Each structure stands twice: as structure tokens, then as C-alpha cells.
């Protein structure tokens, strides 16, 4: 819940201080991913985490061989 407030504030502060918007978005997306993975692992969501990882691997394999 705190991220809903903190992410836009941090993003706005970084933009005001001269960081490009694309870099701000990359940074905040990375922070969000780390938070989601940490929450999933700490909450015992190993099955969820492995399902997401499996879907990512399958999606990567489809793009390497050409999507239909």
C-alpha cells in the first residue's frame, strides 16, 4: 500500500532533479519487481513464483523461434 504513494513521489523527485523519465520508470519497475518477488517468496508463494518463471521461459522460447 505504501508503494502507491512512495513510487510517484520518488519518480517526481528524480525527474525534478534531472533524471530522464525512461530511467525513472526503469528504476521504479525494478523496485516493484523486487518487492513482488520478495513478497511472493516470503509469503510461501513458491508455486506462484515457479508458474510465473515458467511462463516467462515459455514466452522467451516463443520469441526466439518466431511467434506465430
C-alpha atoms as a PDB file:
ATOM      1  CA  UNK A   1       0.000   0.000   0.000  1.00  0.00           C
ATOM      2  CA  UNK A   2       2.857   2.342   0.801  1.00  0.00           C
ATOM      3  CA  UNK A   3       4.258   1.897  -2.716  1.00  0.00           C
ATOM      4  CA  UNK A   4       1.188   3.573  -4.169  1.00  0.00           C
ATOM      5  CA  UNK A   5       2.312   6.810  -2.524  1.00  0.00           C
ATOM      6  CA  UNK A   6       6.093   6.379  -2.472  1.00  0.00           C
ATOM      7  CA  UNK A   7       6.707   5.425  -6.128  1.00  0.00           C
ATOM      8  CA  UNK A   8       5.130   8.548  -7.678  1.00  0.00           C
ATOM      9  CA  UNK A   9       6.821  10.797  -5.101  1.00  0.00           C
ATOM     10  CA  UNK A  10      10.252   9.247  -5.741  1.00  0.00           C
ATOM     11  CA  UNK A  11       9.687   9.384  -9.504  1.00  0.00           C
ATOM     12  CA  UNK A  12       8.670  13.038  -9.384  1.00  0.00           C
ATOM     13  CA  UNK A  13      11.645  13.940  -7.191  1.00  0.00           C
ATOM     14  CA  UNK A  14      14.085  12.182  -9.521  1.00  0.00           C
ATOM     15  CA  UNK A  15      12.590  13.912 -12.581  1.00  0.00           C
ATOM     16  CA  UNK A  16      12.800  17.305 -10.906  1.00  0.00           C
ATOM     17  CA  UNK A  17      16.477  16.670 -10.189  1.00  0.00           C
ATOM     18  CA  UNK A  18      17.218  15.895 -13.849  1.00  0.00           C
ATOM     19  CA  UNK A  19      16.912  12.113 -14.231  1.00  0.00           C
ATOM     20  CA  UNK A  20      15.335  11.139 -17.593  1.00  0.00           C
ATOM     21  CA  UNK A  21      11.790   9.776 -17.375  1.00  0.00           C
ATOM     22  CA  UNK A  22      12.747   6.460 -19.017  1.00  0.00           C
ATOM     23  CA  UNK A  23      15.431   5.888 -16.371  1.00  0.00           C
ATOM     24  CA  UNK A  24      12.973   6.720 -13.595  1.00  0.00           C
ATOM     25  CA  UNK A  25      10.457   4.236 -14.988  1.00  0.00           C
ATOM     26  CA  UNK A  26      13.116   1.528 -15.304  1.00  0.00           C
ATOM     27  CA  UNK A  27      14.263   2.104 -11.733  1.00  0.00           C
ATOM     28  CA  UNK A  28      10.762   2.058 -10.278  1.00  0.00           C
ATOM     29  CA  UNK A  29       9.799  -1.012 -12.316  1.00  0.00           C
ATOM     30  CA  UNK A  30      12.858  -2.832 -10.996  1.00  0.00           C
ATOM     31  CA  UNK A  31      11.945  -1.869  -7.439  1.00  0.00           C
ATOM     32  CA  UNK A  32       8.407  -3.114  -7.996  1.00  0.00           C
ATOM     33  CA  UNK A  33       9.624  -6.439  -9.345  1.00  0.00           C
ATOM     34  CA  UNK A  34      11.983  -6.916  -6.404  1.00  0.00           C
ATOM     35  CA  UNK A  35       9.144  -6.133  -3.998  1.00  0.00           C
ATOM     36  CA  UNK A  36       6.736  -8.525  -5.720  1.00  0.00           C
ATOM     37  CA  UNK A  37       9.245 -11.376  -5.786  1.00  0.00           C
ATOM     38  CA  UNK A  38      10.183 -10.808  -2.145  1.00  0.00           C
ATOM     39  CA  UNK A  39       6.524 -10.809  -1.122  1.00  0.00           C
ATOM     40  CA  UNK A  40       5.816 -13.972  -3.120  1.00  0.00           C
ATOM     41  CA  UNK A  41       8.776 -15.853  -1.646  1.00  0.00           C
ATOM     42  CA  UNK A  42       8.204 -14.644   1.917  1.00  0.00           C
ATOM     43  CA  UNK A  43       4.519 -15.475   1.694  1.00  0.00           C
ATOM     44  CA  UNK A  44       5.203 -19.037   0.650  1.00  0.00           C
ATOM     45  CA  UNK A  45       4.175 -18.337  -2.935  1.00  0.00           C
ATOM     46  CA  UNK A  46       6.780 -20.633  -4.420  1.00  0.00           C
ATOM     47  CA  UNK A  47       4.190 -22.281  -6.654  1.00  0.00           C
ATOM     48  CA  UNK A  48       3.128 -18.882  -7.955  1.00  0.00           C
ATOM     49  CA  UNK A  49       6.728 -17.828  -8.459  1.00  0.00           C
ATOM     50  CA  UNK A  50       7.590 -21.009 -10.364  1.00  0.00           C
ATOM     51  CA  UNK A  51       4.476 -20.627 -12.534  1.00  0.00           C
ATOM     52  CA  UNK A  52       5.451 -17.051 -13.422  1.00  0.00           C
ATOM     53  CA  UNK A  53       9.045 -18.125 -14.116  1.00  0.00           C
ATOM     54  CA  UNK A  54       7.811 -20.971 -16.313  1.00  0.00           C
ATOM     55  CA  UNK A  55       5.570 -18.612 -18.264  1.00  0.00           C
ATOM     56  CA  UNK A  56       8.490 -16.222 -18.763  1.00  0.00           C
ATOM     57  CA  UNK A  57      10.700 -19.042 -20.052  1.00  0.00           C
ATOM     58  CA  UNK A  58       7.995 -20.238 -22.443  1.00  0.00           C
ATOM     59  CA  UNK A  59       7.404 -16.697 -23.683  1.00  0.00           C
ATOM     60  CA  UNK A  60      11.134 -16.220 -24.259  1.00  0.00           C
ATOM     61  CA  UNK A  61      11.329 -19.516 -26.143  1.00  0.00           C
ATOM     62  CA  UNK A  62       8.421 -18.487 -28.380  1.00  0.00           C
ATOM     63  CA  UNK A  63      10.076 -15.201 -29.299  1.00  0.00           C
ATOM     64  CA  UNK A  64      13.388 -16.883 -30.111  1.00  0.00           C
ATOM     65  CA  UNK A  65      11.798 -19.273 -32.582  1.00  0.00           C
ATOM     66  CA  UNK A  66       9.453 -16.719 -34.076  1.00  0.00           C
ATOM     67  CA  UNK A  67       5.948 -16.014 -32.856  1.00  0.00           C
ATOM     68  CA  UNK A  68       3.013 -17.276 -34.864  1.00  0.00           C
END
